Amino acid sequence: MEPDYWGASQKMLADTGFLQGLKDFKKENIAEKTIRGLQKYVKDANFNADTMMNISTAAAGLCQWVIAIEKFHHVNKIVAPM
C-alpha cells in the first residue's frame, strides 16, 4: 500500500512561503540522489499535468514544475560551464 501524503501535502500547500520557495529553488544544485528519487514519479505514465488536473489544479502545477526541474537538471549537466 502506498503511503498517504494528502495531509502533509495540504499543510505544505497552505504554507504562505511555499510559492516563493519554488521560485527561489536552487535548481542548479540538485543532488543526484534527489534526481534518482524522482525517477519513479517522472517515469510514471500518470505523472503528467493532464492526469493531475483531475485531482487538483495545484497538483497539476506542481507536477509540471517537478518535470521541468528534472529535465532542467539533465540539460544543465550537459550545457553548464565547467
N, C-alpha and C. Protein backbone atom coordinates (compact mmCIF):
# COMPACT_ATOMS: atom_id res chain seq x y z
N MET A 1 0.84 -1.18 0.00
CA MET A 1 0.00 0.00 0.00
C MET A 1 0.88 1.25 0.00
N GLU A 2 0.51 2.21 -0.84
CA GLU A 2 1.25 3.46 -0.93
C GLU A 2 0.96 4.33 0.29
N PRO A 3 1.97 5.03 0.79
CA PRO A 3 1.73 5.94 1.91
C PRO A 3 0.79 7.07 1.49
N ASP A 4 0.02 7.58 2.42
CA ASP A 4 -0.91 8.67 2.16
C ASP A 4 -0.24 9.99 2.55
N TYR A 5 0.04 10.81 1.54
CA TYR A 5 0.70 12.09 1.78
C TYR A 5 -0.26 13.27 1.69
N TRP A 6 -1.57 13.00 1.59
CA TRP A 6 -2.53 14.07 1.38
C TRP A 6 -2.49 15.11 2.49
N GLY A 7 -2.49 14.69 3.74
CA GLY A 7 -2.46 15.64 4.85
C GLY A 7 -1.21 16.50 4.83
N ALA A 8 -0.08 15.88 4.62
CA ALA A 8 1.18 16.62 4.56
C ALA A 8 1.20 17.56 3.36
N SER A 9 0.62 17.11 2.25
CA SER A 9 0.56 17.94 1.05
C SER A 9 -0.29 19.18 1.28
N GLN A 10 -1.43 19.01 1.92
CA GLN A 10 -2.29 20.15 2.20
C GLN A 10 -1.59 21.16 3.10
N LYS A 11 -0.88 20.66 4.08
CA LYS A 11 -0.15 21.55 5.00
C LYS A 11 0.94 22.31 4.24
N MET A 12 1.65 21.61 3.36
CA MET A 12 2.71 22.24 2.59
C MET A 12 2.14 23.32 1.67
N LEU A 13 1.04 23.02 1.00
CA LEU A 13 0.44 23.99 0.08
C LEU A 13 -0.14 25.19 0.81
N ALA A 14 -0.53 25.01 2.06
CA ALA A 14 -1.08 26.12 2.84
C ALA A 14 0.01 27.06 3.37
N ASP A 15 1.25 26.63 3.32
CA ASP A 15 2.36 27.44 3.78
C ASP A 15 2.47 28.70 2.91
N THR A 16 2.42 29.86 3.51
CA THR A 16 2.44 31.12 2.76
C THR A 16 3.77 31.33 2.02
N GLY A 17 4.82 30.67 2.42
CA GLY A 17 6.12 30.81 1.75
C GLY A 17 6.39 29.75 0.71
N PHE A 18 5.42 28.88 0.48
CA PHE A 18 5.64 27.75 -0.43
C PHE A 18 5.94 28.19 -1.86
N LEU A 19 5.13 29.07 -2.41
CA LEU A 19 5.33 29.51 -3.79
C LEU A 19 6.66 30.22 -3.94
N GLN A 20 7.01 31.06 -2.99
CA GLN A 20 8.30 31.74 -3.05
C GLN A 20 9.44 30.74 -2.98
N GLY A 21 9.26 29.69 -2.19
CA GLY A 21 10.28 28.64 -2.12
C GLY A 21 10.49 27.95 -3.46
N LEU A 22 9.42 27.75 -4.21
CA LEU A 22 9.55 27.17 -5.55
C LEU A 22 10.28 28.13 -6.48
N LYS A 23 9.95 29.40 -6.38
CA LYS A 23 10.61 30.41 -7.22
C LYS A 23 12.09 30.52 -6.91
N ASP A 24 12.44 30.41 -5.64
CA ASP A 24 13.83 30.57 -5.20
C ASP A 24 14.63 29.27 -5.22
N PHE A 25 14.01 28.18 -5.62
CA PHE A 25 14.65 26.87 -5.60
C PHE A 25 15.96 26.90 -6.38
N LYS A 26 17.01 26.38 -5.80
CA LYS A 26 18.34 26.37 -6.41
C LYS A 26 18.45 25.17 -7.35
N LYS A 27 17.87 25.31 -8.53
CA LYS A 27 17.78 24.19 -9.46
C LYS A 27 19.13 23.76 -10.02
N GLU A 28 20.13 24.62 -9.93
CA GLU A 28 21.45 24.25 -10.45
C GLU A 28 22.21 23.31 -9.52
N ASN A 29 21.72 23.13 -8.30
CA ASN A 29 22.45 22.34 -7.30
C ASN A 29 21.65 21.16 -6.76
N ILE A 30 20.89 20.51 -7.60
CA ILE A 30 20.09 19.38 -7.14
C ILE A 30 21.00 18.15 -7.02
N ALA A 31 20.93 17.50 -5.88
CA ALA A 31 21.76 16.31 -5.65
C ALA A 31 21.30 15.16 -6.55
N GLU A 32 22.25 14.39 -7.03
CA GLU A 32 21.93 13.23 -7.88
C GLU A 32 20.99 12.26 -7.15
N LYS A 33 21.16 12.14 -5.84
CA LYS A 33 20.29 11.27 -5.06
C LYS A 33 18.84 11.72 -5.16
N THR A 34 18.62 13.02 -5.16
CA THR A 34 17.27 13.56 -5.29
C THR A 34 16.70 13.25 -6.67
N ILE A 35 17.50 13.43 -7.71
CA ILE A 35 17.06 13.14 -9.07
C ILE A 35 16.74 11.66 -9.22
N ARG A 36 17.56 10.81 -8.64
CA ARG A 36 17.28 9.36 -8.68
C ARG A 36 15.95 9.06 -7.98
N GLY A 37 15.68 9.75 -6.88
CA GLY A 37 14.44 9.54 -6.15
C GLY A 37 13.21 9.99 -6.92
N LEU A 38 13.39 10.95 -7.82
CA LEU A 38 12.27 11.43 -8.63
C LEU A 38 11.91 10.49 -9.77
N GLN A 39 12.83 9.64 -10.16
CA GLN A 39 12.64 8.85 -11.38
C GLN A 39 11.38 8.00 -11.36
N LYS A 40 11.04 7.41 -10.24
CA LYS A 40 9.84 6.57 -10.22
C LYS A 40 8.58 7.39 -10.49
N TYR A 41 8.63 8.67 -10.20
CA TYR A 41 7.48 9.54 -10.45
C TYR A 41 7.47 10.06 -11.89
N VAL A 42 8.58 10.61 -12.33
CA VAL A 42 8.60 11.21 -13.67
C VAL A 42 8.48 10.17 -14.77
N LYS A 43 8.80 8.92 -14.48
CA LYS A 43 8.64 7.86 -15.47
C LYS A 43 7.25 7.23 -15.44
N ASP A 44 6.47 7.57 -14.45
CA ASP A 44 5.10 7.05 -14.33
C ASP A 44 4.22 7.73 -15.38
N ALA A 45 3.54 6.95 -16.20
CA ALA A 45 2.68 7.49 -17.26
C ALA A 45 1.58 8.39 -16.72
N ASN A 46 1.19 8.21 -15.49
CA ASN A 46 0.14 9.03 -14.89
C ASN A 46 0.65 10.32 -14.26
N PHE A 47 1.96 10.48 -14.23
CA PHE A 47 2.54 11.69 -13.64
C PHE A 47 2.67 12.74 -14.74
N ASN A 48 1.57 13.40 -15.02
CA ASN A 48 1.55 14.46 -16.01
C ASN A 48 0.44 15.45 -15.62
N ALA A 49 0.51 16.62 -16.19
CA ALA A 49 -0.42 17.68 -15.80
C ALA A 49 -1.87 17.33 -16.11
N ASP A 50 -2.11 16.65 -17.23
CA ASP A 50 -3.49 16.31 -17.60
C ASP A 50 -4.13 15.38 -16.57
N THR A 51 -3.39 14.35 -16.17
CA THR A 51 -3.91 13.41 -15.18
C THR A 51 -4.07 14.10 -13.83
N MET A 52 -3.09 14.89 -13.46
CA MET A 52 -3.14 15.56 -12.17
C MET A 52 -4.25 16.60 -12.11
N MET A 53 -4.62 17.16 -13.24
CA MET A 53 -5.69 18.15 -13.27
C MET A 53 -7.01 17.54 -12.79
N ASN A 54 -7.15 16.22 -12.96
CA ASN A 54 -8.33 15.53 -12.45
C ASN A 54 -8.34 15.46 -10.92
N ILE A 55 -7.17 15.62 -10.33
CA ILE A 55 -7.04 15.61 -8.87
C ILE A 55 -7.17 17.03 -8.33
N SER A 56 -6.33 17.90 -8.85
CA SER A 56 -6.40 19.32 -8.45
C SER A 56 -5.52 20.15 -9.37
N THR A 57 -5.85 21.41 -9.49
CA THR A 57 -5.02 22.30 -10.30
C THR A 57 -3.65 22.50 -9.65
N ALA A 58 -3.61 22.50 -8.33
CA ALA A 58 -2.33 22.63 -7.63
C ALA A 58 -1.44 21.42 -7.93
N ALA A 59 -2.02 20.23 -7.92
CA ALA A 59 -1.26 19.02 -8.23
C ALA A 59 -0.73 19.08 -9.66
N ALA A 60 -1.54 19.58 -10.58
CA ALA A 60 -1.11 19.70 -11.98
C ALA A 60 0.07 20.66 -12.10
N GLY A 61 -0.03 21.79 -11.43
CA GLY A 61 1.06 22.76 -11.48
C GLY A 61 2.34 22.24 -10.87
N LEU A 62 2.22 21.58 -9.73
CA LEU A 62 3.42 21.01 -9.10
C LEU A 62 4.03 19.90 -9.95
N CYS A 63 3.18 19.12 -10.58
CA CYS A 63 3.66 18.07 -11.47
C CYS A 63 4.48 18.68 -12.61
N GLN A 64 3.96 19.72 -13.23
CA GLN A 64 4.69 20.39 -14.30
C GLN A 64 6.02 20.94 -13.79
N TRP A 65 6.02 21.50 -12.60
CA TRP A 65 7.23 22.07 -12.03
C TRP A 65 8.27 20.98 -11.81
N VAL A 66 7.86 19.86 -11.23
CA VAL A 66 8.78 18.75 -10.96
C VAL A 66 9.38 18.23 -12.27
N ILE A 67 8.54 18.02 -13.26
CA ILE A 67 9.02 17.52 -14.55
C ILE A 67 10.01 18.51 -15.17
N ALA A 68 9.69 19.80 -15.12
CA ALA A 68 10.58 20.81 -15.68
C ALA A 68 11.91 20.87 -14.95
N ILE A 69 11.88 20.81 -13.63
CA ILE A 69 13.11 20.85 -12.84
C ILE A 69 13.97 19.62 -13.14
N GLU A 70 13.34 18.46 -13.25
CA GLU A 70 14.08 17.23 -13.53
C GLU A 70 14.72 17.30 -14.92
N LYS A 71 14.00 17.81 -15.91
CA LYS A 71 14.56 17.97 -17.26
C LYS A 71 15.68 19.00 -17.25
N PHE A 72 15.46 20.11 -16.54
CA PHE A 72 16.49 21.14 -16.44
C PHE A 72 17.79 20.55 -15.89
N HIS A 73 17.67 19.72 -14.88
CA HIS A 73 18.86 19.11 -14.27
C HIS A 73 19.69 18.36 -15.31
N HIS A 74 19.02 17.56 -16.13
CA HIS A 74 19.75 16.76 -17.11
C HIS A 74 20.35 17.63 -18.22
N VAL A 75 19.64 18.64 -18.66
CA VAL A 75 20.16 19.54 -19.69
C VAL A 75 21.30 20.38 -19.11
N ASN A 76 21.13 20.86 -17.90
CA ASN A 76 22.15 21.69 -17.27
C ASN A 76 23.47 20.94 -17.09
N LYS A 77 23.41 19.66 -16.86
CA LYS A 77 24.64 18.86 -16.73
C LYS A 77 25.42 18.87 -18.04
N ILE A 78 24.74 18.97 -19.16
CA ILE A 78 25.39 18.94 -20.46
C ILE A 78 25.92 20.34 -20.86
N VAL A 79 25.13 21.37 -20.61
CA VAL A 79 25.48 22.69 -21.12
C VAL A 79 26.10 23.64 -20.09
N ALA A 80 26.09 23.28 -18.83
CA ALA A 80 26.64 24.17 -17.79
C ALA A 80 28.13 24.37 -17.98
N PRO A 81 28.58 25.60 -17.77
CA PRO A 81 30.03 25.85 -17.85
C PRO A 81 30.76 25.10 -16.74
N MET A 82 31.94 24.73 -17.02
CA MET A 82 32.73 23.97 -16.05
C MET A 82 33.29 24.84 -14.99
